Amino acid sequence: MTKQSFAPWTEEQVERLQLRQQTYLLHPYTCLRHSYRALRPTVNGWVCDGPGCDYSQNWAQDVDVNKTSWWNNVGPIWDDLEDA
């Protein structure tokens, strides 16, 4: 089973999760009530910004929070985009 990481997260981890949400290479974390709506990471966990929605989630896969495998492939792409 994949290890999970629970909030609270650091600002750096939140930034990493936001970048992960924006990559087209991975399916984003989504709201259980609005499956089409990507969640927004905060230091206290994920939140849904849908109108009137109060869904939140306090975990993410550890691999996404702690900059391992996917970041090794995607990170250089983001670095190039930020420099453009």
Protein backbone atom coordinates (compact mmCIF):
# COMPACT_ATOMS: atom_id res chain seq x y z
CA MET A 1 0.00 0.00 0.00
CA THR A 2 1.19 3.51 -0.78
CA LYS A 3 2.29 5.60 2.17
CA GLN A 4 0.20 8.66 2.95
CA SER A 5 1.31 12.02 4.30
CA PHE A 6 -1.11 13.94 6.53
CA ALA A 7 -1.50 17.70 6.92
CA PRO A 8 -0.36 20.06 8.25
CA TRP A 9 2.12 20.58 5.43
CA THR A 10 4.85 23.16 5.05
CA GLU A 11 4.55 26.03 2.56
CA GLU A 12 7.14 24.27 0.39
CA GLN A 13 5.05 21.08 0.41
CA VAL A 14 1.90 23.06 -0.47
CA GLU A 15 3.73 24.65 -3.40
CA ARG A 16 4.88 21.21 -4.56
CA LEU A 17 1.32 19.86 -4.33
CA GLN A 18 0.05 22.85 -6.33
CA LEU A 19 2.59 22.16 -9.06
CA ARG A 20 1.54 18.52 -9.01
CA GLN A 21 -2.09 19.59 -9.48
CA GLN A 22 -1.10 21.63 -12.56
CA THR A 23 0.87 18.97 -14.42
CA TYR A 24 -0.94 17.23 -17.25
CA LEU A 25 1.13 14.10 -16.62
CA LEU A 26 -0.83 13.11 -13.49
CA HIS A 27 -4.52 13.05 -12.62
CA PRO A 28 -5.19 15.76 -10.03
CA TYR A 29 -6.58 15.18 -6.57
CA THR A 30 -10.29 15.88 -6.98
CA CYS A 31 -13.33 16.61 -4.84
CA LEU A 32 -15.41 13.57 -3.88
CA ARG A 33 -18.58 15.62 -4.40
CA HIS A 34 -17.46 17.33 -7.63
CA SER A 35 -15.21 14.75 -9.27
CA TYR A 36 -14.35 17.15 -12.09
CA ARG A 37 -13.07 19.86 -9.71
CA ALA A 38 -9.40 19.79 -8.71
CA LEU A 39 -8.69 20.35 -5.03
CA ARG A 40 -6.53 23.24 -3.82
CA PRO A 41 -3.75 22.43 -1.34
CA THR A 42 -3.33 24.45 1.87
CA VAL A 43 -1.13 23.94 4.91
CA ASN A 44 -4.16 22.34 6.58
CA GLY A 45 -4.95 19.96 3.72
CA TRP A 46 -6.93 19.97 0.49
CA VAL A 47 -10.05 22.08 -0.01
CA CYS A 48 -12.64 22.28 -2.75
CA ASP A 49 -13.35 25.76 -4.08
CA GLY A 50 -16.69 24.71 -5.56
CA PRO A 51 -19.68 26.93 -4.79
CA GLY A 52 -21.10 25.94 -1.41
CA CYS A 53 -18.80 22.93 -1.11
CA ASP A 54 -17.14 22.24 2.22
CA TYR A 55 -15.21 19.12 1.17
CA SER A 56 -11.72 18.84 2.57
CA GLN A 57 -9.08 16.11 2.67
CA ASN A 58 -6.15 15.94 5.09
CA TRP A 59 -3.89 13.51 3.23
CA ALA A 60 -1.93 13.09 0.03
CA GLN A 61 0.33 10.35 -1.23
CA ASP A 62 3.73 10.71 0.44
CA VAL A 63 5.43 10.52 -2.95
CA ASP A 64 3.56 13.71 -3.96
CA VAL A 65 4.27 15.61 -0.74
CA ASN A 66 7.94 14.79 -0.35
CA LYS A 67 9.33 15.46 -3.84
CA THR A 68 10.28 12.03 -4.99
CA SER A 69 9.65 9.97 -8.11
CA TRP A 70 7.21 12.08 -10.17
CA TRP A 71 9.10 15.28 -9.35
CA ASN A 72 12.33 13.80 -10.68
CA ASN A 73 10.64 13.67 -14.10
CA VAL A 74 8.48 16.79 -13.94
CA GLY A 75 10.64 19.14 -11.87
CA PRO A 76 13.10 20.01 -14.66
CA ILE A 77 10.16 20.83 -16.95
CA TRP A 78 8.75 23.25 -14.37
CA ASP A 79 12.17 24.82 -13.86
CA ASP A 80 12.41 25.47 -17.61
CA LEU A 81 8.89 26.97 -17.69
CA GLU A 82 9.63 29.26 -14.75
CA ASP A 83 12.78 30.53 -16.50
CA ALA A 84 10.93 31.27 -19.75
